[in-house]
Amino acid sequence: MHEWGRAAVKLAEKRTELAMFEDVPFLGHAFTTADLHRCIEGRTGRPIKITQFAW
């Protein structure tokens, strides 16, 4: 968790340089919708359906 804290401080220090929304990847902390789907099904023990947002 210390790495996340350091990253948060560095991002806060650069906040004036960043756009309102930024993609800030953290190595090893990215996942796809398929990964999330698999994880939720594995944890709940039941199938789930993933759909697109209405908009």
C-alpha atoms as a PDB file:
ATOM      1  CA  MET A   1       0.000   0.000   0.000  1.00  0.00           C
ATOM      2  CA  HIS A   2       2.959   2.326   0.481  1.00  0.00           C
ATOM      3  CA  GLU A   3       3.453   2.474  -3.300  1.00  0.00           C
ATOM      4  CA  TRP A   4      -0.151   3.624  -3.736  1.00  0.00           C
ATOM      5  CA  GLY A   5       0.356   6.314  -1.113  1.00  0.00           C
ATOM      6  CA  ARG A   6       3.493   7.588  -2.822  1.00  0.00           C
ATOM      7  CA  ALA A   7       1.696   7.572  -6.173  1.00  0.00           C
ATOM      8  CA  ALA A   8      -1.233   9.521  -4.703  1.00  0.00           C
ATOM      9  CA  VAL A   9       1.134  12.172  -3.330  1.00  0.00           C
ATOM     10  CA  LYS A  10       2.912  12.488  -6.689  1.00  0.00           C
ATOM     11  CA  LEU A  11      -0.410  12.826  -8.503  1.00  0.00           C
ATOM     12  CA  ALA A  12      -1.605  15.431  -6.011  1.00  0.00           C
ATOM     13  CA  GLU A  13       1.594  17.405  -6.571  1.00  0.00           C
ATOM     14  CA  LYS A  14       0.913  17.408 -10.348  1.00  0.00           C
ATOM     15  CA  ARG A  15      -2.815  18.166 -10.119  1.00  0.00           C
ATOM     16  CA  THR A  16      -2.461  21.540 -11.846  1.00  0.00           C
ATOM     17  CA  GLU A  17      -0.828  19.815 -14.840  1.00  0.00           C
ATOM     18  CA  LEU A  18      -3.459  17.082 -15.183  1.00  0.00           C
ATOM     19  CA  ALA A  19      -6.745  17.143 -17.055  1.00  0.00           C
ATOM     20  CA  MET A  20      -9.970  16.751 -15.094  1.00  0.00           C
ATOM     21  CA  PHE A  21      -9.971  13.029 -15.981  1.00  0.00           C
ATOM     22  CA  GLU A  22      -6.756  11.092 -16.547  1.00  0.00           C
ATOM     23  CA  ASP A  23      -5.895   7.472 -17.211  1.00  0.00           C
ATOM     24  CA  VAL A  24      -3.311   6.645 -14.559  1.00  0.00           C
ATOM     25  CA  PRO A  25      -2.265   3.011 -14.927  1.00  0.00           C
ATOM     26  CA  PHE A  26      -0.678   1.117 -12.067  1.00  0.00           C
ATOM     27  CA  LEU A  27       1.405  -1.827 -13.232  1.00  0.00           C
ATOM     28  CA  GLY A  28      -0.312  -5.048 -12.225  1.00  0.00           C
ATOM     29  CA  HIS A  29      -3.555  -3.327 -11.279  1.00  0.00           C
ATOM     30  CA  ALA A  30      -5.376  -3.334 -14.599  1.00  0.00           C
ATOM     31  CA  PHE A  31      -8.131  -5.747 -15.544  1.00  0.00           C
ATOM     32  CA  THR A  32     -10.555  -6.345 -18.382  1.00  0.00           C
ATOM     33  CA  THR A  33     -14.301  -6.764 -18.252  1.00  0.00           C
ATOM     34  CA  ALA A  34     -13.731 -10.482 -18.849  1.00  0.00           C
ATOM     35  CA  ASP A  35     -11.393 -10.599 -15.818  1.00  0.00           C
ATOM     36  CA  LEU A  36     -14.013  -8.856 -13.674  1.00  0.00           C
ATOM     37  CA  HIS A  37     -16.736 -11.199 -14.944  1.00  0.00           C
ATOM     38  CA  ARG A  38     -14.669 -14.275 -14.119  1.00  0.00           C
ATOM     39  CA  CYS A  39     -13.794 -12.933 -10.676  1.00  0.00           C
ATOM     40  CA  ILE A  40     -17.389 -12.083  -9.733  1.00  0.00           C
ATOM     41  CA  GLU A  41     -18.678 -15.447 -10.912  1.00  0.00           C
ATOM     42  CA  GLY A  42     -15.908 -17.208  -9.016  1.00  0.00           C
ATOM     43  CA  ARG A  43     -16.621 -15.305  -5.798  1.00  0.00           C
ATOM     44  CA  THR A  44     -20.404 -15.579  -5.932  1.00  0.00           C
ATOM     45  CA  GLY A  45     -20.551 -19.098  -7.313  1.00  0.00           C
ATOM     46  CA  ARG A  46     -23.241 -18.155  -9.794  1.00  0.00           C
ATOM     47  CA  PRO A  47     -23.346 -16.945 -13.392  1.00  0.00           C
ATOM     48  CA  ILE A  48     -23.782 -13.257 -14.109  1.00  0.00           C
ATOM     49  CA  LYS A  49     -24.712 -11.443 -17.304  1.00  0.00           C
ATOM     50  CA  ILE A  50     -22.719  -8.432 -18.434  1.00  0.00           C
ATOM     51  CA  THR A  51     -24.482  -5.920 -20.660  1.00  0.00           C
ATOM     52  CA  GLN A  52     -23.666  -2.537 -22.120  1.00  0.00           C
ATOM     53  CA  PHE A  53     -24.774   0.689 -20.522  1.00  0.00           C
ATOM     54  CA  ALA A  54     -28.000   2.074 -21.958  1.00  0.00           C
ATOM     55  CA  TRP A  55     -26.351   5.242 -23.160  1.00  0.00           C
END
